[in-house]
C-alpha atoms as a PDB file:
ATOM      1  CA  MET A   1     227.310-179.056  49.687  1.00  0.00           C
ATOM      2  CA  PRO A   2     224.534-181.388  48.286  1.00  0.00           C
ATOM      3  CA  ALA A   3     224.450-182.902  44.816  1.00  0.00           C
ATOM      4  CA  ALA A   4     226.664-181.183  42.201  1.00  0.00           C
ATOM      5  CA  THR A   5     225.046-178.800  39.844  1.00  0.00           C
ATOM      6  CA  PRO A   6     225.568-178.798  36.146  1.00  0.00           C
ATOM      7  CA  GLN A   7     227.503-175.623  36.583  1.00  0.00           C
ATOM      8  CA  GLN A   8     229.972-177.357  39.070  1.00  0.00           C
ATOM      9  CA  ILE A   9     230.241-180.241  36.752  1.00  0.00           C
ATOM     10  CA  ASP A  10     231.241-178.045  34.047  1.00  0.00           C
ATOM     11  CA  ALA A  11     233.690-176.027  36.246  1.00  0.00           C
ATOM     12  CA  MET A  12     235.259-179.516  37.439  1.00  0.00           C
ATOM     13  CA  GLU A  13     235.585-180.592  33.797  1.00  0.00           C
ATOM     14  CA  VAL A  14     237.413-177.409  32.904  1.00  0.00           C
ATOM     15  CA  LEU A  15     239.736-177.559  36.110  1.00  0.00           C
ATOM     16  CA  LEU A  16     240.787-181.306  35.264  1.00  0.00           C
ATOM     17  CA  LYS A  17     242.185-180.052  32.021  1.00  0.00           C
ATOM     18  CA  SER A  18     245.131-178.383  34.124  1.00  0.00           C
ATOM     19  CA  GLY A  19     245.416-180.593  37.032  1.00  0.00           C
ATOM     20  CA  PRO A  20     243.696-182.843  39.704  1.00  0.00           C
ATOM     21  CA  LEU A  21     240.633-182.559  41.876  1.00  0.00           C
ATOM     22  CA  VAL A  22     240.172-183.815  45.313  1.00  0.00           C
ATOM     23  CA  ILE A  23     236.774-184.756  46.004  1.00  0.00           C
ATOM     24  CA  GLY A  24     235.113-185.275  49.464  1.00  0.00           C
ATOM     25  CA  GLU A  25     231.852-187.343  49.991  1.00  0.00           C
ATOM     26  CA  ASP A  26     229.620-188.761  52.664  1.00  0.00           C
ATOM     27  CA  HIS A  27     230.264-192.368  52.093  1.00  0.00           C
ATOM     28  CA  GLU A  28     226.526-193.041  52.273  1.00  0.00           C
ATOM     29  CA  LEU A  29     225.365-190.734  49.726  1.00  0.00           C
ATOM     30  CA  ALA A  30     225.805-190.884  45.935  1.00  0.00           C
ATOM     31  CA  TYR A  31     226.539-187.161  45.214  1.00  0.00           C
ATOM     32  CA  ALA A  32     230.138-187.295  44.966  1.00  0.00           C
ATOM     33  CA  ARG A  33     230.181-190.569  43.000  1.00  0.00           C
ATOM     34  CA  SER A  34     227.550-189.497  40.728  1.00  0.00           C
ATOM     35  CA  ALA A  35     229.547-186.329  39.756  1.00  0.00           C
ATOM     36  CA  ILE A  36     232.637-188.588  39.056  1.00  0.00           C
ATOM     37  CA  GLN A  37     230.548-190.902  36.879  1.00  0.00           C
ATOM     38  CA  GLU A  38     229.381-187.999  34.893  1.00  0.00           C
ATOM     39  CA  LEU A  39     232.858-186.531  34.341  1.00  0.00           C
ATOM     40  CA  ILE A  40     233.987-190.221  33.389  1.00  0.00           C
ATOM     41  CA  ALA A  41     231.151-190.223  30.769  1.00  0.00           C
ATOM     42  CA  ARG A  42     232.508-186.837  29.549  1.00  0.00           C
ATOM     43  CA  LYS A  43     236.013-188.491  29.179  1.00  0.00           C
ATOM     44  CA  ALA A  44     237.207-185.706  31.609  1.00  0.00           C
ATOM     45  CA  VAL A  45     238.969-188.229  33.828  1.00  0.00           C
ATOM     46  CA  SER A  46     242.384-189.942  33.189  1.00  0.00           C
ATOM     47  CA  PHE A  47     243.232-191.139  36.665  1.00  0.00           C
ATOM     48  CA  LEU A  48     241.102-192.156  39.478  1.00  0.00           C
ATOM     49  CA  SER A  49     242.170-192.832  43.193  1.00  0.00           C
ATOM     50  CA  ILE A  50     239.595-194.055  45.879  1.00  0.00           C
ATOM     51  CA  GLU A  51     239.678-194.252  49.442  1.00  0.00           C
ATOM     52  CA  THR A  52     239.939-197.960  49.982  1.00  0.00           C
ATOM     53  CA  PRO A  53     243.055-200.008  51.192  1.00  0.00           C
ATOM     54  CA  ILE A  54     246.274-199.759  49.123  1.00  0.00           C
ATOM     55  CA  GLY A  55     246.363-202.944  46.689  1.00  0.00           C
ATOM     56  CA  PRO A  56     248.896-205.625  47.773  1.00  0.00           C
ATOM     57  CA  LEU A  57     251.450-206.459  45.077  1.00  0.00           C
ATOM     58  CA  GLY A  58     249.667-209.513  44.077  1.00  0.00           C
ATOM     59  CA  LEU A  59     246.658-207.102  42.904  1.00  0.00           C
ATOM     60  CA  VAL A  60     248.305-204.056  41.542  1.00  0.00           C
ATOM     61  CA  ARG A  61     250.818-202.982  39.013  1.00  0.00           C
ATOM     62  CA  SER A  62     254.093-201.516  40.121  1.00  0.00           C
ATOM     63  CA  ASP A  63     252.702-198.160  40.151  1.00  0.00           C
ATOM     64  CA  GLY A  64     249.933-198.969  42.458  1.00  0.00           C
ATOM     65  CA  GLN A  65     247.346-199.289  39.711  1.00  0.00           C
ATOM     66  CA  LEU A  66     244.654-202.058  40.403  1.00  0.00           C
ATOM     67  CA  ARG A  67     245.140-204.875  37.581  1.00  0.00           C
ATOM     68  CA  LYS A  68     241.904-205.230  35.697  1.00  0.00           C
ATOM     69  CA  GLU A  69     241.836-208.905  36.298  1.00  0.00           C
ATOM     70  CA  LYS A  70     242.107-208.712  39.756  1.00  0.00           C
ATOM     71  CA  VAL A  71     239.337-206.244  40.663  1.00  0.00           C
ATOM     72  CA  SER A  72     236.958-208.778  41.666  1.00  0.00           C
ATOM     73  CA  ALA A  73     239.480-210.583  44.069  1.00  0.00           C
ATOM     74  CA  TYR A  74     240.142-207.237  45.487  1.00  0.00           C
ATOM     75  CA  PHE A  75     236.661-206.210  46.415  1.00  0.00           C
ATOM     76  CA  GLY A  76     235.989-209.474  47.520  1.00  0.00           C
ATOM     77  CA  ALA A  77     238.441-208.870  50.331  1.00  0.00           C
ATOM     78  CA  ILE A  78     237.211-205.407  51.316  1.00  0.00           C
ATOM     79  CA  SER A  79     234.202-204.007  52.959  1.00  0.00           C
ATOM     80  CA  GLY A  80     232.198-201.389  51.295  1.00  0.00           C
ATOM     81  CA  HIS A  81     229.897-198.636  52.277  1.00  0.00           C
ATOM     82  CA  HIS A  82     226.210-198.712  51.928  1.00  0.00           C
ATOM     83  CA  ASN A  83     225.717-196.505  48.769  1.00  0.00           C
ATOM     84  CA  THR A  84     223.349-196.368  45.756  1.00  0.00           C
ATOM     85  CA  ILE A  85     226.539-196.014  43.576  1.00  0.00           C
ATOM     86  CA  THR A  86     229.091-198.487  45.325  1.00  0.00           C
ATOM     87  CA  THR A  87     232.928-198.305  45.167  1.00  0.00           C
ATOM     88  CA  ARG A  88     232.806-201.118  42.668  1.00  0.00           C
ATOM     89  CA  ASP A  89     230.380-199.553  40.486  1.00  0.00           C
ATOM     90  CA  LEU A  90     232.554-196.466  40.406  1.00  0.00           C
ATOM     91  CA  VAL A  91     235.674-198.535  39.532  1.00  0.00           C
ATOM     92  CA  ASP A  92     233.785-200.398  36.751  1.00  0.00           C
ATOM     93  CA  SER A  93     232.915-197.263  35.169  1.00  0.00           C
ATOM     94  CA  ALA A  94     236.421-196.027  35.133  1.00  0.00           C
ATOM     95  CA  ILE A  95     237.893-199.347  33.903  1.00  0.00           C
ATOM     96  CA  ALA A  96     235.048-199.534  31.109  1.00  0.00           C
ATOM     97  CA  GLN A  97     236.989-196.444  29.975  1.00  0.00           C
ATOM     98  CA  THR A  98     240.404-197.816  30.414  1.00  0.00           C
ATOM     99  CA  ILE A  99     241.081-195.388  33.365  1.00  0.00           C
ATOM    100  CA  PRO A 100     243.666-196.604  35.705  1.00  0.00           C
ATOM    101  CA  VAL A 101     242.255-196.846  39.198  1.00  0.00           C
ATOM    102  CA  TYR A 102     244.206-196.704  42.324  1.00  0.00           C
ATOM    103  CA  CYS A 103     243.580-197.146  46.090  1.00  0.00           C
ATOM    104  CA  HIS A 104     245.022-194.846  48.606  1.00  0.00           C
ATOM    105  CA  ASP A 105     243.960-195.745  52.201  1.00  0.00           C
ATOM    106  CA  VAL A 106     245.927-197.354  54.862  1.00  0.00           C
ATOM    107  CA  PRO A 107     244.830-201.093  55.355  1.00  0.00           C
ATOM    108  CA  LEU A 108     244.052-202.703  58.597  1.00  0.00           C
ATOM    109  CA  LYS A 109     246.611-204.842  60.267  1.00  0.00           C
ATOM    110  CA  THR A 110     244.250-207.693  60.030  1.00  0.00           C
ATOM    111  CA  SER A 111     242.986-207.021  56.672  1.00  0.00           C
ATOM    112  CA  PRO A 112     241.806-210.013  54.630  1.00  0.00           C
ATOM    113  CA  LEU A 113     243.980-208.562  51.963  1.00  0.00           C
ATOM    114  CA  ASN A 114     246.736-210.354  53.713  1.00  0.00           C
ATOM    115  CA  ARG A 115     246.040-213.743  52.047  1.00  0.00           C
ATOM    116  CA  LEU A 116     246.252-211.964  48.624  1.00  0.00           C
ATOM    117  CA  ALA A 117     249.362-210.000  49.079  1.00  0.00           C
ATOM    118  CA  ASP A 118     251.839-212.621  47.332  1.00  0.00           C
ATOM    119  CA  PRO A 119     250.305-215.895  45.533  1.00  0.00           C
ATOM    120  CA  GLU A 120     253.708-217.365  46.106  1.00  0.00           C
ATOM    121  CA  LYS A 121     253.518-217.097  49.976  1.00  0.00           C
ATOM    122  CA  PRO A 122     249.733-217.764  50.886  1.00  0.00           C
ATOM    123  CA  GLY A 123     249.234-217.356  54.433  1.00  0.00           C
ATOM    124  CA  ASP A 124     252.327-215.166  55.060  1.00  0.00           C
ATOM    125  CA  LEU A 125     250.615-212.197  56.855  1.00  0.00           C
ATOM    126  CA  ASP A 126     253.802-210.057  57.009  1.00  0.00           C
ATOM    127  CA  VAL A 127     254.043-209.576  53.121  1.00  0.00           C
ATOM    128  CA  TYR A 128     251.174-207.179  52.798  1.00  0.00           C
ATOM    129  CA  ARG A 129     251.702-205.704  56.206  1.00  0.00           C
ATOM    130  CA  ASN A 130     255.321-204.901  55.444  1.00  0.00           C
ATOM    131  CA  GLN A 131     254.385-203.342  51.831  1.00  0.00           C
ATOM    132  CA  ALA A 132     251.674-201.076  53.906  1.00  0.00           C
ATOM    133  CA  LYS A 133     253.920-200.068  56.668  1.00  0.00           C
ATOM    134  CA  ALA A 134     256.400-198.659  54.022  1.00  0.00           C
ATOM    135  CA  HIS A 135     254.194-195.660  53.714  1.00  0.00           C
ATOM    136  CA  LEU A 136     253.351-194.940  57.291  1.00  0.00           C
ATOM    137  CA  PRO A 137     253.922-191.189  58.250  1.00  0.00           C
ATOM    138  CA  ASN A 138     255.625-190.260  61.501  1.00  0.00           C
ATOM    139  CA  SER A 139     252.320-189.500  63.038  1.00  0.00           C
ATOM    140  CA  MET A 140     251.289-193.150  62.521  1.00  0.00           C
ATOM    141  CA  ARG A 141     253.272-195.804  64.678  1.00  0.00           C
ATOM    142  CA  ASN A 142     251.652-198.768  63.000  1.00  0.00           C
ATOM    143  CA  LEU A 143     248.578-200.189  61.019  1.00  0.00           C
ATOM    144  CA  PRO A 144     245.418-199.662  62.674  1.00  0.00           C
ATOM    145  CA  MET A 145     243.834-202.860  64.207  1.00  0.00           C
ATOM    146  CA  ARG A 146     240.209-202.023  63.398  1.00  0.00           C
ATOM    147  CA  ASP A 147     237.975-199.678  61.477  1.00  0.00           C
ATOM    148  CA  SER A 148     236.882-197.891  64.640  1.00  0.00           C
ATOM    149  CA  THR A 149     240.528-196.879  65.262  1.00  0.00           C
ATOM    150  CA  ALA A 150     241.220-195.977  61.512  1.00  0.00           C
ATOM    151  CA  ALA A 151     238.250-193.684  61.658  1.00  0.00           C
ATOM    152  CA  LYS A 152     239.743-191.493  64.389  1.00  0.00           C
ATOM    153  CA  GLN A 153     242.887-191.360  62.327  1.00  0.00           C
ATOM    154  CA  PHE A 154     241.706-189.677  59.422  1.00  0.00           C
ATOM    155  CA  VAL A 155     244.380-186.837  59.726  1.00  0.00           C
ATOM    156  CA  GLN A 156     247.046-189.259  59.947  1.00  0.00           C
ATOM    157  CA  ARG A 157     245.778-191.192  56.966  1.00  0.00           C
ATOM    158  CA  ASN A 158     245.860-188.093  54.849  1.00  0.00           C
ATOM    159  CA  GLU A 159     249.588-188.130  55.448  1.00  0.00           C
ATOM    160  CA  TYR A 160     249.598-191.952  54.451  1.00  0.00           C
ATOM    161  CA  SER A 161     247.583-191.391  51.502  1.00  0.00           C
ATOM    162  CA  ALA A 162     249.939-188.592  50.248  1.00  0.00           C
ATOM    163  CA  ASN A 163     252.927-190.703  50.810  1.00  0.00           C
ATOM    164  CA  TYR A 164     251.702-193.390  48.799  1.00  0.00           C
ATOM    165  CA  LEU A 165     250.404-191.434  45.842  1.00  0.00           C
ATOM    166  CA  LYS A 166     253.497-189.497  45.733  1.00  0.00           C
ATOM    167  CA  THR A 167     255.364-192.709  45.754  1.00  0.00           C
ATOM    168  CA  LYS A 168     253.234-194.353  42.825  1.00  0.00           C
ATOM    169  CA  LEU A 169     252.414-191.330  40.850  1.00  0.00           C
ATOM    170  CA  GLY A 170     255.538-188.991  41.613  1.00  0.00           C
ATOM    171  CA  ALA A 171     255.633-185.680  43.349  1.00  0.00           C
ATOM    172  CA  GLY A 172     253.788-184.326  40.202  1.00  0.00           C
ATOM    173  CA  VAL A 173     250.526-185.739  41.707  1.00  0.00           C
ATOM    174  CA  ARG A 174     249.919-182.239  42.654  1.00  0.00           C
ATOM    175  CA  VAL A 175     249.717-181.114  38.973  1.00  0.00           C
ATOM    176  CA  LEU A 176     248.613-184.498  37.366  1.00  0.00           C
ATOM    177  CA  PHE A 177     245.960-183.690  34.755  1.00  0.00           C
ATOM    178  CA  ASN A 178     242.516-185.124  34.796  1.00  0.00           C
ATOM    179  CA  LEU A 179     243.049-187.056  38.112  1.00  0.00           C
ATOM    180  CA  ILE A 180     240.347-187.159  40.679  1.00  0.00           C
ATOM    181  CA  VAL A 181     241.060-188.250  44.186  1.00  0.00           C
ATOM    182  CA  LEU A 182     237.999-189.518  46.225  1.00  0.00           C
ATOM    183  CA  ALA A 183     237.973-189.395  50.017  1.00  0.00           C
ATOM    184  CA  GLY A 184     235.580-188.917  53.066  1.00  0.00           C
ATOM    185  CA  ALA A 185     234.601-185.202  53.444  1.00  0.00           C
ATOM    186  CA  ASP A 186     236.162-184.794  56.898  1.00  0.00           C
ATOM    187  CA  HIS A 187     239.656-185.525  55.046  1.00  0.00           C
ATOM    188  CA  LEU A 188     239.203-182.198  53.175  1.00  0.00           C
ATOM    189  CA  ASP A 189     237.797-180.134  56.189  1.00  0.00           C
ATOM    190  CA  GLY A 190     240.325-177.873  57.451  1.00  0.00           C
ATOM    191  CA  GLU A 191     238.392-177.343  60.768  1.00  0.00           C
ATOM    192  CA  LYS A 192     238.103-181.029  61.415  1.00  0.00           C
ATOM    193  CA  CYS A 193     241.697-181.809  60.557  1.00  0.00           C
ATOM    194  CA  GLY A 194     242.892-179.097  63.014  1.00  0.00           C
ATOM    195  CA  GLY A 195     244.364-176.826  60.356  1.00  0.00           C
ATOM    196  CA  ASN A 196     244.328-176.335  56.620  1.00  0.00           C
ATOM    197  CA  GLU A 197     247.816-177.790  56.270  1.00  0.00           C
ATOM    198  CA  ARG A 198     246.527-181.181  57.567  1.00  0.00           C
ATOM    199  CA  THR A 199     243.941-181.536  54.802  1.00  0.00           C
ATOM    200  CA  LEU A 200     244.261-184.225  52.081  1.00  0.00           C
ATOM    201  CA  GLN A 201     244.402-181.737  49.295  1.00  0.00           C
ATOM    202  CA  ALA A 202     247.261-179.756  51.412  1.00  0.00           C
ATOM    203  CA  ARG A 203     249.210-183.148  51.878  1.00  0.00           C
ATOM    204  CA  LEU A 204     248.984-183.576  48.137  1.00  0.00           C
ATOM    205  CA  GLY A 205     249.986-180.153  47.309  1.00  0.00           C
ATOM    206  CA  VAL A 206     246.513-179.310  45.777  1.00  0.00           C
ATOM    207  CA  ALA A 207     245.065-175.984  45.989  1.00  0.00           C
ATOM    208  CA  ASN A 208     241.669-175.637  47.976  1.00  0.00           C
ATOM    209  CA  GLU A 209     240.029-174.192  44.924  1.00  0.00           C
ATOM    210  CA  ARG A 210     240.726-177.727  43.363  1.00  0.00           C
ATOM    211  CA  ALA A 211     238.836-179.329  46.398  1.00  0.00           C
ATOM    212  CA  PHE A 212     235.046-180.076  46.393  1.00  0.00           C
ATOM    213  CA  THR A 213     232.878-181.845  48.837  1.00  0.00           C
ATOM    214  CA  PHE A 214     229.355-183.145  48.029  1.00  0.00           C
ATOM    215  CA  CYS A 215     227.368-184.642  50.910  1.00  0.00           C
END
């Protein structure tokens, strides 16, 4: 599916009034992010979750929401995708509308976020790793070591994301009004995930009718 049409934007706006949407993207293209920015401009979004590493406790609130004053520190410690609308752009658009922003992806074991995990324990690499490991599903034995490893584990990462979001937003994440969850397109593809029950939307308990892919 290429760029969202005006009709699709209208349909998503209506759907958001009664629950969440899961949106898949090609990380190198702006189609999905542009659609989300339009929905934000329409004030149709109340919560946004993005596919970047979960935030360490030093940068997020108890419910996992990125702290507004820590956004720059967070993005200074992660790598982004080449896109005309960057992840930071999307987050800034949300924060400008006072929309809570969450991150839901598994971090690398060697993530630079380690050094930001606990201001009182600088250099203690186990702090963030232990926080992150708490959400590992049975299908993942440990945090991935590098991006190339994580890229092959997108099905397991679906479970990880669901574990994290359900912990932070509650089991009602599947019915949370005006929530958008953004992820790579493969995470939403039943064929690539080896079954529809293994997709991100299925793990979250969100109906396929609420899943859109733009790439």
